[in-house]
Amino acid sequence: MIGYYAHHQGAGHVTRLQSVAACLQEPVWGLSSLPRPAAWSGPWTVLERDDGTAEGAPQDVTAGGVLHWAPVGHAGLSRRMTQLAAWVAGHRPRLVVVDVSVEVALFIRLMGIPTVVVALPGRRLDPPHRLAYDSAAALLAPWPEGAHGQDWPTAWTEKTWHVGGISRFDGRAPAPRPGSSGSRRRVLVLWGSGGRSVDAAAVAGAAASTPGWDWSERDPVRAPAVDLWADLAAADVVVTHGGQNAVAEVAAARRPAVVVAQPRPFGEQEATVGALDRLGIAVGLQQWPAPERWPAVLERAAGLGGDGWGRWSSGEGARRAAEHLSRLDRIPQDLSA
């Protein structure tokens, strides 16, 4: 059995968990502070939250710079780690995929269980990330080789699985090119739930400055997959943020795109949009443009087209991740003492 920890921020981590688990031929146990997804049929443990503020201001959260989040005296954190320890002792997983948490990765490894850490773009050379990445049996990178990690130590790159984007639409044929009615073209704004830096007024300003383009907006978390795929198929250009899940959805549909970075720790989205722009896959922007810039931005995206997404995602990212996990060396299960 494989354990898979999914962080509670946004919906991308849980979506990736479900995509990979569907391709595995062995049981997968979900671990998260989020509730069990409606479509999840396997076992699921809801972990205690460790970020509540009811106990007062958190103290020494980084343990002197060694960790990212381990507040002293936080009862939620203590109960969370107790849950993980009891789960490991009681169920003896073969390995645990950690997507993402330095503290969970280290705790699981200290219990003698190998970890596969889902890597993220951006600046990851700080001491906590080094601990998690160094101690992992493998790093799972949901992007193509060469997109990120140029500053990584050789020890990391040698154990990294570059599987490309992982989408719930993996395995589907790319969406056909839309047939826009008349001379009007369609923009789909695809924004997620992980924290938003662009408000409705900014979107309205962009729409008002681009006559000839019809704008609509979709929250991919609330949209059923069939509806989201139809919206992607109908779009001439998709405007989205630089989160890994949103990027993978657009890549699966092979849609021309404008990808705008939102502020995230360690420059995660800034790195992603920079890579997409550098590789000529999509228009990558570090911030939402002023209204008067949008006509040129959309034309540039339309000119790039969507075929370049094939270099980011083969449509088999989840399957490739599952194959790597299945081949990872099995270890003796001597946890009965």
C-alpha atoms as a PDB file:
ATOM      1  CA  MET A   1       0.000   0.000   0.000  1.00  0.00           C
ATOM      2  CA  ILE A   2       1.118   3.532  -0.800  1.00  0.00           C
ATOM      3  CA  GLY A   3       0.271   6.566   1.305  1.00  0.00           C
ATOM      4  CA  TYR A   4      -0.256   9.916  -0.375  1.00  0.00           C
ATOM      5  CA  TYR A   5      -0.264  13.145   1.639  1.00  0.00           C
ATOM      6  CA  ALA A   6      -1.998  16.130  -0.018  1.00  0.00           C
ATOM      7  CA  HIS A   7      -1.651  19.663   1.341  1.00  0.00           C
ATOM      8  CA  HIS A   8      -4.865  21.524   2.100  1.00  0.00           C
ATOM      9  CA  GLN A   9      -3.984  24.790   0.309  1.00  0.00           C
ATOM     10  CA  GLY A  10      -6.070  25.033  -2.847  1.00  0.00           C
ATOM     11  CA  ALA A  11      -7.359  21.982  -4.682  1.00  0.00           C
ATOM     12  CA  GLY A  12      -4.398  21.134  -6.896  1.00  0.00           C
ATOM     13  CA  HIS A  13      -2.670  18.733  -4.510  1.00  0.00           C
ATOM     14  CA  VAL A  14      -5.768  16.584  -3.980  1.00  0.00           C
ATOM     15  CA  THR A  15      -6.568  16.656  -7.694  1.00  0.00           C
ATOM     16  CA  ARG A  16      -3.056  15.403  -8.462  1.00  0.00           C
ATOM     17  CA  LEU A  17      -3.416  12.672  -5.829  1.00  0.00           C
ATOM     18  CA  GLN A  18      -6.596  11.401  -7.475  1.00  0.00           C
ATOM     19  CA  SER A  19      -5.067  11.451 -10.955  1.00  0.00           C
ATOM     20  CA  VAL A  20      -1.995   9.455  -9.920  1.00  0.00           C
ATOM     21  CA  ALA A  21      -3.919   7.031  -7.699  1.00  0.00           C
ATOM     22  CA  ALA A  22      -6.259   6.162 -10.569  1.00  0.00           C
ATOM     23  CA  CYS A  23      -3.253   4.867 -12.525  1.00  0.00           C
ATOM     24  CA  LEU A  24      -1.780   2.713  -9.750  1.00  0.00           C
ATOM     25  CA  GLN A  25      -2.396  -1.014  -9.454  1.00  0.00           C
ATOM     26  CA  GLU A  26      -2.050  -1.074  -5.662  1.00  0.00           C
ATOM     27  CA  PRO A  27      -4.094   0.521  -2.876  1.00  0.00           C
ATOM     28  CA  VAL A  28      -3.513   4.203  -2.123  1.00  0.00           C
ATOM     29  CA  TRP A  29      -4.368   5.735   1.258  1.00  0.00           C
ATOM     30  CA  GLY A  30      -5.118   9.453   1.189  1.00  0.00           C
ATOM     31  CA  LEU A  31      -3.856  11.705   3.984  1.00  0.00           C
ATOM     32  CA  SER A  32      -4.904  15.345   4.181  1.00  0.00           C
ATOM     33  CA  SER A  33      -6.496  18.017   6.323  1.00  0.00           C
ATOM     34  CA  LEU A  34      -9.105  18.261   3.574  1.00  0.00           C
ATOM     35  CA  PRO A  35     -12.184  16.026   3.646  1.00  0.00           C
ATOM     36  CA  ARG A  36     -12.364  12.903   1.519  1.00  0.00           C
ATOM     37  CA  PRO A  37     -13.170  13.858  -2.097  1.00  0.00           C
ATOM     38  CA  ALA A  38     -16.592  12.738  -3.260  1.00  0.00           C
ATOM     39  CA  ALA A  39     -15.118  10.558  -6.006  1.00  0.00           C
ATOM     40  CA  TRP A  40     -12.483   8.927  -3.760  1.00  0.00           C
ATOM     41  CA  SER A  41     -13.170   5.220  -3.157  1.00  0.00           C
ATOM     42  CA  GLY A  42     -10.080   4.289  -1.152  1.00  0.00           C
ATOM     43  CA  PRO A  43      -9.215   4.828   2.510  1.00  0.00           C
ATOM     44  CA  TRP A  44      -8.752   8.403   3.677  1.00  0.00           C
ATOM     45  CA  THR A  45      -7.498   9.933   6.926  1.00  0.00           C
ATOM     46  CA  VAL A  46      -8.473  13.510   7.749  1.00  0.00           C
ATOM     47  CA  LEU A  47      -5.512  15.005   9.602  1.00  0.00           C
ATOM     48  CA  GLU A  48      -5.763  17.600  12.332  1.00  0.00           C
ATOM     49  CA  ARG A  49      -5.078  21.143  11.140  1.00  0.00           C
ATOM     50  CA  ASP A  50      -1.848  22.653  12.421  1.00  0.00           C
ATOM     51  CA  ASP A  51      -2.515  26.251  11.452  1.00  0.00           C
ATOM     52  CA  GLY A  52      -5.278  27.296  13.844  1.00  0.00           C
ATOM     53  CA  THR A  53      -4.835  30.510  15.798  1.00  0.00           C
ATOM     54  CA  ALA A  54      -7.084  29.715  18.763  1.00  0.00           C
ATOM     55  CA  GLU A  55      -4.055  28.913  20.883  1.00  0.00           C
ATOM     56  CA  GLY A  56      -2.524  32.349  20.486  1.00  0.00           C
ATOM     57  CA  ALA A  57       0.263  33.639  18.297  1.00  0.00           C
ATOM     58  CA  PRO A  58       2.442  30.765  17.017  1.00  0.00           C
ATOM     59  CA  GLN A  59       5.937  30.643  18.496  1.00  0.00           C
ATOM     60  CA  ASP A  60       9.239  29.622  16.854  1.00  0.00           C
ATOM     61  CA  VAL A  61       7.432  28.207  13.844  1.00  0.00           C
ATOM     62  CA  THR A  62      10.638  27.411  11.923  1.00  0.00           C
ATOM     63  CA  ALA A  63      12.534  25.752  14.796  1.00  0.00           C
ATOM     64  CA  GLY A  64      15.424  28.120  14.294  1.00  0.00           C
ATOM     65  CA  GLY A  65      15.224  28.060  10.496  1.00  0.00           C
ATOM     66  CA  VAL A  66      15.356  24.270  10.149  1.00  0.00           C
ATOM     67  CA  LEU A  67      11.658  23.772   9.288  1.00  0.00           C
ATOM     68  CA  HIS A  68       8.877  25.749   7.615  1.00  0.00           C
ATOM     69  CA  TRP A  69       6.032  25.268  10.094  1.00  0.00           C
ATOM     70  CA  ALA A  70       6.367  23.616  13.501  1.00  0.00           C
ATOM     71  CA  PRO A  71       4.976  26.038  16.106  1.00  0.00           C
ATOM     72  CA  VAL A  72       5.968  25.279  19.680  1.00  0.00           C
ATOM     73  CA  GLY A  73       3.166  24.085  21.934  1.00  0.00           C
ATOM     74  CA  HIS A  74       0.547  23.834  19.174  1.00  0.00           C
ATOM     75  CA  ALA A  75      -1.892  21.074  20.147  1.00  0.00           C
ATOM     76  CA  GLY A  76      -3.167  20.681  16.583  1.00  0.00           C
ATOM     77  CA  LEU A  77       0.338  19.995  15.319  1.00  0.00           C
ATOM     78  CA  SER A  78       0.920  17.449  18.098  1.00  0.00           C
ATOM     79  CA  ARG A  79      -2.309  15.607  17.310  1.00  0.00           C
ATOM     80  CA  ARG A  80      -1.541  15.698  13.591  1.00  0.00           C
ATOM     81  CA  MET A  81       1.846  14.045  14.049  1.00  0.00           C
ATOM     82  CA  THR A  82       0.341  11.515  16.470  1.00  0.00           C
ATOM     83  CA  GLN A  83      -2.186  10.598  13.777  1.00  0.00           C
ATOM     84  CA  LEU A  84       0.590  10.072  11.243  1.00  0.00           C
ATOM     85  CA  ALA A  85       2.636   7.941  13.639  1.00  0.00           C
ATOM     86  CA  ALA A  86      -0.356   5.744  14.484  1.00  0.00           C
ATOM     87  CA  TRP A  87      -1.194   5.367  10.805  1.00  0.00           C
ATOM     88  CA  VAL A  88       2.345   4.291   9.892  1.00  0.00           C
ATOM     89  CA  ALA A  89       2.521   1.813  12.775  1.00  0.00           C
ATOM     90  CA  GLY A  90      -0.901   0.385  12.043  1.00  0.00           C
ATOM     91  CA  HIS A  91      -0.815   0.155   8.245  1.00  0.00           C
ATOM     92  CA  ARG A  92       2.867  -0.131   7.299  1.00  0.00           C
ATOM     93  CA  PRO A  93       2.858   1.669   3.933  1.00  0.00           C
ATOM     94  CA  ARG A  94       5.428   0.702   1.320  1.00  0.00           C
ATOM     95  CA  LEU A  95       6.181   4.373   0.720  1.00  0.00           C
ATOM     96  CA  VAL A  96       4.513   7.749   1.115  1.00  0.00           C
ATOM     97  CA  VAL A  97       4.166  10.426  -1.545  1.00  0.00           C
ATOM     98  CA  VAL A  98       4.311  13.877   0.060  1.00  0.00           C
ATOM     99  CA  ASP A  99       2.573  16.677  -1.873  1.00  0.00           C
ATOM    100  CA  VAL A 100       3.738  18.866  -0.148  1.00  0.00           C
ATOM    101  CA  SER A 101       5.137  19.399   3.359  1.00  0.00           C
ATOM    102  CA  VAL A 102       8.695  19.440   4.606  1.00  0.00           C
ATOM    103  CA  GLU A 103       7.551  18.442   8.080  1.00  0.00           C
ATOM    104  CA  VAL A 104       5.429  15.500   6.919  1.00  0.00           C
ATOM    105  CA  ALA A 105       8.203  14.291   4.615  1.00  0.00           C
ATOM    106  CA  LEU A 106      10.773  14.326   7.413  1.00  0.00           C
ATOM    107  CA  PHE A 107       8.447  12.784   9.988  1.00  0.00           C
ATOM    108  CA  ILE A 108       7.496   9.895   7.703  1.00  0.00           C
ATOM    109  CA  ARG A 109      11.135   9.281   6.794  1.00  0.00           C
ATOM    110  CA  LEU A 110      12.136   9.311  10.480  1.00  0.00           C
ATOM    111  CA  MET A 111       9.660   6.477  10.978  1.00  0.00           C
ATOM    112  CA  GLY A 112      11.609   4.404   8.488  1.00  0.00           C
ATOM    113  CA  ILE A 113       9.301   4.841   5.499  1.00  0.00           C
ATOM    114  CA  PRO A 114      10.750   6.032   2.180  1.00  0.00           C
ATOM    115  CA  THR A 115       9.255   9.207   0.769  1.00  0.00           C
ATOM    116  CA  VAL A 116       8.667  10.489  -2.721  1.00  0.00           C
ATOM    117  CA  VAL A 117       8.447  14.268  -2.488  1.00  0.00           C
ATOM    118  CA  VAL A 118       6.484  16.175  -5.107  1.00  0.00           C
ATOM    119  CA  ALA A 119       8.828  18.958  -6.158  1.00  0.00           C
ATOM    120  CA  LEU A 120       7.650  22.490  -6.762  1.00  0.00           C
ATOM    121  CA  PRO A 121       9.170  25.202  -8.961  1.00  0.00           C
ATOM    122  CA  GLY A 122      10.922  28.216  -7.526  1.00  0.00           C
ATOM    123  CA  ARG A 123      13.677  28.757  -4.982  1.00  0.00           C
ATOM    124  CA  ARG A 124      14.052  25.480  -3.060  1.00  0.00           C
ATOM    125  CA  LEU A 125      17.618  25.639  -1.755  1.00  0.00           C
ATOM    126  CA  ASP A 126      16.700  26.799   1.761  1.00  0.00           C
ATOM    127  CA  PRO A 127      17.607  24.440   4.658  1.00  0.00           C
ATOM    128  CA  PRO A 128      14.082  22.990   5.142  1.00  0.00           C
ATOM    129  CA  HIS A 129      13.663  22.107   1.470  1.00  0.00           C
ATOM    130  CA  ARG A 130      17.158  20.644   1.408  1.00  0.00           C
ATOM    131  CA  LEU A 131      16.255  18.338   4.293  1.00  0.00           C
ATOM    132  CA  ALA A 132      13.098  17.097   2.598  1.00  0.00           C
ATOM    133  CA  TYR A 133      14.623  16.737  -0.864  1.00  0.00           C
ATOM    134  CA  ASP A 134      17.886  15.215   0.357  1.00  0.00           C
ATOM    135  CA  SER A 135      16.091  12.582   2.432  1.00  0.00           C
ATOM    136  CA  ALA A 136      13.578  11.612  -0.272  1.00  0.00           C
ATOM    137  CA  ALA A 137      13.984   8.388  -2.208  1.00  0.00           C
ATOM    138  CA  ALA A 138      12.849  10.278  -5.309  1.00  0.00           C
ATOM    139  CA  LEU A 139      11.506  13.651  -6.408  1.00  0.00           C
ATOM    140  CA  LEU A 140       8.395  13.774  -8.566  1.00  0.00           C
ATOM    141  CA  ALA A 141       8.507  16.781 -10.909  1.00  0.00           C
ATOM    142  CA  PRO A 142       5.210  17.551 -12.703  1.00  0.00           C
ATOM    143  CA  TRP A 143       6.965  19.419 -15.494  1.00  0.00           C
ATOM    144  CA  PRO A 144       9.278  18.453 -18.376  1.00  0.00           C
ATOM    145  CA  GLU A 145      13.013  18.147 -17.980  1.00  0.00           C
ATOM    146  CA  GLY A 146      14.728  21.491 -18.524  1.00  0.00           C
ATOM    147  CA  ALA A 147      11.826  23.643 -17.354  1.00  0.00           C
ATOM    148  CA  HIS A 148      13.106  24.073 -13.792  1.00  0.00           C
ATOM    149  CA  GLY A 149      15.861  22.967 -11.468  1.00  0.00           C
ATOM    150  CA  GLN A 150      18.874  24.429 -13.234  1.00  0.00           C
ATOM    151  CA  ASP A 151      20.286  25.391  -9.820  1.00  0.00           C
ATOM    152  CA  TRP A 152      19.569  22.048  -8.165  1.00  0.00           C
ATOM    153  CA  PRO A 153      22.340  19.857  -6.748  1.00  0.00           C
ATOM    154  CA  THR A 154      23.259  16.872  -8.895  1.00  0.00           C
ATOM    155  CA  ALA A 155      22.021  14.537  -6.164  1.00  0.00           C
ATOM    156  CA  TRP A 156      18.512  15.912  -6.669  1.00  0.00           C
ATOM    157  CA  THR A 157      18.448  15.857 -10.455  1.00  0.00           C
ATOM    158  CA  GLU A 158      19.706  12.269 -10.516  1.00  0.00           C
ATOM    159  CA  LYS A 159      16.676  11.064  -8.559  1.00  0.00           C
ATOM    160  CA  THR A 160      14.048  13.303 -10.183  1.00  0.00           C
ATOM    161  CA  TRP A 161      11.212  11.873 -12.255  1.00  0.00           C
ATOM    162  CA  HIS A 162      10.234  14.475 -14.860  1.00  0.00           C
ATOM    163  CA  VAL A 163       6.771  13.245 -15.787  1.00  0.00           C
ATOM    164  CA  GLY A 164       5.362  16.442 -17.284  1.00  0.00           C
ATOM    165  CA  GLY A 165       2.077  18.026 -16.294  1.00  0.00           C
ATOM    166  CA  ILE A 166      -0.427  15.895 -14.384  1.00  0.00           C
ATOM    167  CA  SER A 167      -4.063  16.623 -15.206  1.00  0.00           C
ATOM    168  CA  ARG A 168      -7.418  15.009 -14.523  1.00  0.00           C
ATOM    169  CA  PHE A 169      -7.760  15.130 -18.321  1.00  0.00           C
ATOM    170  CA  ASP A 170      -4.708  12.944 -18.925  1.00  0.00           C
ATOM    171  CA  GLY A 171      -5.374  10.413 -21.649  1.00  0.00           C
ATOM    172  CA  ARG A 172      -7.900  12.523 -23.548  1.00  0.00           C
ATOM    173  CA  ALA A 173      -7.313  13.627 -27.092  1.00  0.00           C
ATOM    174  CA  PRO A 174      -6.574  17.378 -27.167  1.00  0.00           C
ATOM    175  CA  ALA A 175      -9.669  19.510 -27.574  1.00  0.00           C
ATOM    176  CA  PRO A 176     -10.478  20.413 -31.198  1.00  0.00           C
ATOM    177  CA  ARG A 177      -9.871  23.967 -32.282  1.00  0.00           C
ATOM    178  CA  PRO A 178     -12.919  26.124 -31.495  1.00  0.00           C
ATOM    179  CA  GLY A 179     -15.130  27.520 -34.184  1.00  0.00           C
ATOM    180  CA  SER A 180     -15.900  30.970 -32.829  1.00  0.00           C
ATOM    181  CA  SER A 181     -19.122  32.489 -34.107  1.00  0.00           C
ATOM    182  CA  GLY A 182     -18.633  35.397 -36.492  1.00  0.00           C
ATOM    183  CA  SER A 183     -15.606  37.552 -35.829  1.00  0.00           C
ATOM    184  CA  ARG A 184     -15.787  37.342 -32.039  1.00  0.00           C
ATOM    185  CA  ARG A 185     -13.323  35.196 -30.148  1.00  0.00           C
ATOM    186  CA  ARG A 186     -13.594  33.692 -26.685  1.00  0.00           C
ATOM    187  CA  VAL A 187     -11.429  34.185 -23.599  1.00  0.00           C
ATOM    188  CA  LEU A 188     -11.806  31.767 -20.689  1.00  0.00           C
ATOM    189  CA  VAL A 189     -10.484  33.010 -17.342  1.00  0.00           C
ATOM    190  CA  LEU A 190      -9.565  29.898 -15.366  1.00  0.00           C
ATOM    191  CA  TRP A 191      -8.786  30.734 -11.760  1.00  0.00           C
ATOM    192  CA  GLY A 192      -8.322  28.450  -8.787  1.00  0.00           C
ATOM    193  CA  SER A 193      -8.986  28.340  -5.053  1.00  0.00           C
ATOM    194  CA  GLY A 194      -5.484  28.586  -3.638  1.00  0.00           C
ATOM    195  CA  GLY A 195      -5.597  32.307  -2.905  1.00  0.00           C
ATOM    196  CA  ARG A 196      -6.406  34.992  -5.438  1.00  0.00           C
ATOM    197  CA  SER A 197      -4.580  38.208  -6.254  1.00  0.00           C
ATOM    198  CA  VAL A 198      -6.716  39.307  -9.231  1.00  0.00           C
ATOM    199  CA  ASP A 199     -10.152  40.741  -8.493  1.00  0.00           C
ATOM    200  CA  ALA A 200     -13.296  41.012 -10.590  1.00  0.00           C
ATOM    201  CA  ALA A 201     -12.561  44.646 -11.426  1.00  0.00           C
ATOM    202  CA  ALA A 202      -9.245  43.698 -13.038  1.00  0.00           C
ATOM    203  CA  VAL A 203     -10.938  41.053 -15.178  1.00  0.00           C
ATOM    204  CA  ALA A 204     -13.699  43.481 -16.134  1.00  0.00           C
ATOM    205  CA  GLY A 205     -11.132  46.093 -17.116  1.00  0.00           C
ATOM    206  CA  ALA A 206      -9.336  43.620 -19.365  1.00  0.00           C
ATOM    207  CA  ALA A 207     -12.602  42.561 -20.993  1.00  0.00           C
ATOM    208  CA  ALA A 208     -13.650  46.163 -21.607  1.00  0.00           C
ATOM    209  CA  SER A 209     -10.357  46.922 -23.333  1.00  0.00           C
ATOM    210  CA  THR A 210     -10.588  44.023 -25.807  1.00  0.00           C
ATOM    211  CA  PRO A 211     -13.505  44.545 -28.212  1.00  0.00           C
ATOM    212  CA  GLY A 212     -14.045  41.507 -30.374  1.00  0.00           C
ATOM    213  CA  TRP A 213     -13.318  39.124 -27.491  1.00  0.00           C
ATOM    214  CA  ASP A 214     -16.011  37.600 -25.272  1.00  0.00           C
ATOM    215  CA  TRP A 215     -14.788  36.889 -21.736  1.00  0.00           C
ATOM    216  CA  SER A 216     -16.111  34.270 -19.312  1.00  0.00           C
ATOM    217  CA  GLU A 217     -14.754  32.952 -16.032  1.00  0.00           C
ATOM    218  CA  ARG A 218     -14.642  29.494 -14.470  1.00  0.00           C
ATOM    219  CA  ASP A 219     -13.512  28.202 -11.102  1.00  0.00           C
ATOM    220  CA  PRO A 220     -11.976  24.812 -11.954  1.00  0.00           C
ATOM    221  CA  VAL A 221     -12.653  23.504  -8.453  1.00  0.00           C
ATOM    222  CA  ARG A 222     -16.406  24.066  -8.633  1.00  0.00           C
ATOM    223  CA  ALA A 223     -16.704  23.112 -12.298  1.00  0.00           C
ATOM    224  CA  PRO A 224     -17.481  19.470 -13.065  1.00  0.00           C
ATOM    225  CA  ALA A 225     -14.800  17.993 -15.286  1.00  0.00           C
ATOM    226  CA  VAL A 226     -17.144  17.612 -18.254  1.00  0.00           C
ATOM    227  CA  ASP A 227     -18.151  21.281 -18.082  1.00  0.00           C
ATOM    228  CA  LEU A 228     -14.583  22.513 -17.679  1.00  0.00           C
ATOM    229  CA  TRP A 229     -13.407  20.468 -20.652  1.00  0.00           C
ATOM    230  CA  ALA A 230     -16.208  21.928 -22.772  1.00  0.00           C
ATOM    231  CA  ASP A 231     -15.240  25.442 -21.688  1.00  0.00           C
ATOM    232  CA  LEU A 232     -11.594  24.799 -22.525  1.00  0.00           C
ATOM    233  CA  ALA A 233     -12.560  23.391 -25.912  1.00  0.00           C
ATOM    234  CA  ALA A 234     -14.595  26.495 -26.712  1.00  0.00           C
ATOM    235  CA  ALA A 235     -11.886  28.996 -25.747  1.00  0.00           C
ATOM    236  CA  ASP A 236      -9.660  30.712 -28.292  1.00  0.00           C
ATOM    237  CA  VAL A 237      -7.363  31.849 -25.451  1.00  0.00           C
ATOM    238  CA  VAL A 238      -7.280  30.769 -21.802  1.00  0.00           C
ATOM    239  CA  VAL A 239      -6.128  33.213 -19.130  1.00  0.00           C
ATOM    240  CA  THR A 240      -5.007  31.417 -15.987  1.00  0.00           C
ATOM    241  CA  HIS A 241      -2.627  31.582 -13.046  1.00  0.00           C
ATOM    242  CA  GLY A 242       0.689  29.767 -12.722  1.00  0.00           C
ATOM    243  CA  GLY A 243      -0.406  26.979 -10.383  1.00  0.00           C
ATOM    244  CA  GLN A 244       0.705  23.522 -11.473  1.00  0.00           C
ATOM    245  CA  ASN A 245      -2.812  22.108 -11.674  1.00  0.00           C
ATOM    246  CA  ALA A 246      -4.288  24.953 -13.730  1.00  0.00           C
ATOM    247  CA  VAL A 247      -1.335  24.870 -16.108  1.00  0.00           C
ATOM    248  CA  ALA A 248      -1.729  21.109 -16.541  1.00  0.00           C
ATOM    249  CA  GLU A 249      -5.440  21.452 -17.372  1.00  0.00           C
ATOM    250  CA  VAL A 250      -4.735  23.995 -20.098  1.00  0.00           C
ATOM    251  CA  ALA A 251      -1.858  21.872 -21.386  1.00  0.00           C
ATOM    252  CA  ALA A 252      -4.132  18.839 -21.694  1.00  0.00           C
ATOM    253  CA  ALA A 253      -6.524  20.828 -23.879  1.00  0.00           C
ATOM    254  CA  ARG A 254      -3.664  22.339 -25.937  1.00  0.00           C
ATOM    255  CA  ARG A 255      -5.152  25.816 -25.699  1.00  0.00           C
ATOM    256  CA  PRO A 256      -3.343  29.110 -26.428  1.00  0.00           C
ATOM    257  CA  ALA A 257      -2.828  30.701 -23.044  1.00  0.00           C
ATOM    258  CA  VAL A 258      -1.821  33.702 -20.995  1.00  0.00           C
ATOM    259  CA  VAL A 259      -0.413  32.516 -17.667  1.00  0.00           C
ATOM    260  CA  VAL A 260      -0.125  35.138 -14.923  1.00  0.00           C
ATOM    261  CA  ALA A 261       1.879  34.582 -11.745  1.00  0.00           C
ATOM    262  CA  GLN A 262       0.207  34.985  -8.378  1.00  0.00           C
ATOM    263  CA  PRO A 263       2.320  35.667  -5.280  1.00  0.00           C
ATOM    264  CA  ARG A 264       3.352  32.367  -3.724  1.00  0.00           C
ATOM    265  CA  PRO A 265       6.129  31.348  -1.325  1.00  0.00           C
ATOM    266  CA  PHE A 266       9.541  30.714  -2.884  1.00  0.00           C
ATOM    267  CA  GLY A 267       8.542  32.295  -6.209  1.00  0.00           C
ATOM    268  CA  GLU A 268       6.687  29.173  -7.316  1.00  0.00           C
ATOM    269  CA  GLN A 269       4.374  30.708  -9.891  1.00  0.00           C
ATOM    270  CA  GLU A 270       6.895  33.285 -11.057  1.00  0.00           C
ATOM    271  CA  ALA A 271       9.205  30.397 -11.973  1.00  0.00           C
ATOM    272  CA  THR A 272       6.469  28.552 -13.837  1.00  0.00           C
ATOM    273  CA  VAL A 273       5.340  31.497 -15.951  1.00  0.00           C
ATOM    274  CA  GLY A 274       8.964  32.336 -16.666  1.00  0.00           C
ATOM    275  CA  ALA A 275       9.591  28.814 -17.948  1.00  0.00           C
ATOM    276  CA  LEU A 276       6.453  28.800 -20.103  1.00  0.00           C
ATOM    277  CA  ASP A 277       7.391  32.121 -21.671  1.00  0.00           C
ATOM    278  CA  ARG A 278      11.036  31.151 -22.166  1.00  0.00           C
ATOM    279  CA  LEU A 279      10.055  27.881 -23.849  1.00  0.00           C
ATOM    280  CA  GLY A 280       7.581  29.637 -26.137  1.00  0.00           C
ATOM    281  CA  ILE A 281       4.656  27.542 -24.895  1.00  0.00           C
ATOM    282  CA  ALA A 282       2.434  30.334 -23.591  1.00  0.00           C
ATOM    283  CA  VAL A 283       2.522  34.031 -22.780  1.00  0.00           C
ATOM    284  CA  GLY A 284       3.952  34.093 -19.256  1.00  0.00           C
ATOM    285  CA  LEU A 285       3.491  37.286 -17.241  1.00  0.00           C
ATOM    286  CA  GLN A 286       4.742  38.167 -13.780  1.00  0.00           C
ATOM    287  CA  GLN A 287       1.688  40.318 -13.015  1.00  0.00           C
ATOM    288  CA  TRP A 288      -1.746  41.136 -14.382  1.00  0.00           C
ATOM    289  CA  PRO A 289      -1.325  43.618 -17.262  1.00  0.00           C
ATOM    290  CA  ALA A 290      -2.888  47.057 -17.406  1.00  0.00           C
ATOM    291  CA  PRO A 291      -6.127  47.109 -19.452  1.00  0.00           C
ATOM    292  CA  GLU A 292      -4.550  48.795 -22.472  1.00  0.00           C
ATOM    293  CA  ARG A 293      -2.008  45.977 -22.832  1.00  0.00           C
ATOM    294  CA  TRP A 294      -4.564  43.196 -23.154  1.00  0.00           C
ATOM    295  CA  PRO A 295      -5.294  43.453 -26.902  1.00  0.00           C
ATOM    296  CA  ALA A 296      -1.629  42.802 -27.723  1.00  0.00           C
ATOM    297  CA  VAL A 297      -1.327  40.114 -25.029  1.00  0.00           C
ATOM    298  CA  LEU A 298      -4.258  38.135 -26.425  1.00  0.00           C
ATOM    299  CA  GLU A 299      -3.007  38.446 -29.997  1.00  0.00           C
ATOM    300  CA  ARG A 300       0.414  37.205 -28.946  1.00  0.00           C
ATOM    301  CA  ALA A 301      -1.125  34.190 -27.220  1.00  0.00           C
ATOM    302  CA  ALA A 302      -3.326  33.409 -30.218  1.00  0.00           C
ATOM    303  CA  GLY A 303      -0.279  33.652 -32.459  1.00  0.00           C
ATOM    304  CA  LEU A 304       1.649  31.155 -30.343  1.00  0.00           C
ATOM    305  CA  GLY A 305      -1.180  28.650 -30.622  1.00  0.00           C
ATOM    306  CA  GLY A 306      -1.585  25.659 -28.347  1.00  0.00           C
ATOM    307  CA  ASP A 307       0.579  22.985 -29.947  1.00  0.00           C
ATOM    308  CA  GLY A 308       3.576  23.927 -27.802  1.00  0.00           C
ATOM    309  CA  TRP A 309       1.843  22.433 -24.773  1.00  0.00           C
ATOM    310  CA  GLY A 310       2.882  19.042 -26.095  1.00  0.00           C
ATOM    311  CA  ARG A 311       6.368  19.855 -24.818  1.00  0.00           C
ATOM    312  CA  TRP A 312       4.992  20.441 -21.314  1.00  0.00           C
ATOM    313  CA  SER A 313       2.588  17.552 -21.052  1.00  0.00           C
ATOM    314  CA  SER A 314       2.412  14.301 -22.976  1.00  0.00           C
ATOM    315  CA  GLY A 315      -1.056  13.565 -21.624  1.00  0.00           C
ATOM    316  CA  GLU A 316       0.434  10.691 -19.645  1.00  0.00           C
ATOM    317  CA  GLY A 317       1.884  12.473 -16.620  1.00  0.00           C
ATOM    318  CA  ALA A 318      -0.237  10.595 -14.088  1.00  0.00           C
ATOM    319  CA  ARG A 319       0.486   7.238 -15.712  1.00  0.00           C
ATOM    320  CA  ARG A 320       4.213   7.942 -15.839  1.00  0.00           C
ATOM    321  CA  ALA A 321       4.211   8.952 -12.164  1.00  0.00           C
ATOM    322  CA  ALA A 322       2.374   5.744 -11.275  1.00  0.00           C
ATOM    323  CA  GLU A 323       4.871   3.644 -13.228  1.00  0.00           C
ATOM    324  CA  HIS A 324       7.784   5.211 -11.355  1.00  0.00           C
ATOM    325  CA  LEU A 325       6.081   4.635  -8.007  1.00  0.00           C
ATOM    326  CA  SER A 326       5.369   1.015  -8.896  1.00  0.00           C
ATOM    327  CA  ARG A 327       9.005   0.393  -9.801  1.00  0.00           C
ATOM    328  CA  LEU A 328      10.508   2.053  -6.744  1.00  0.00           C
ATOM    329  CA  ASP A 329      12.421  -0.582  -4.798  1.00  0.00           C
ATOM    330  CA  ARG A 330      10.330  -2.269  -2.170  1.00  0.00           C
ATOM    331  CA  ILE A 331      11.735  -2.373   1.360  1.00  0.00           C
ATOM    332  CA  PRO A 332      11.487  -4.992   4.110  1.00  0.00           C
ATOM    333  CA  GLN A 333       8.336  -4.468   6.161  1.00  0.00           C
ATOM    334  CA  ASP A 334       9.705  -5.020   9.675  1.00  0.00           C
ATOM    335  CA  LEU A 335       7.447  -2.682  11.608  1.00  0.00           C
ATOM    336  CA  SER A 336       5.749  -5.242  13.839  1.00  0.00           C
ATOM    337  CA  ALA A 337       7.881  -4.629  16.907  1.00  0.00           C
END
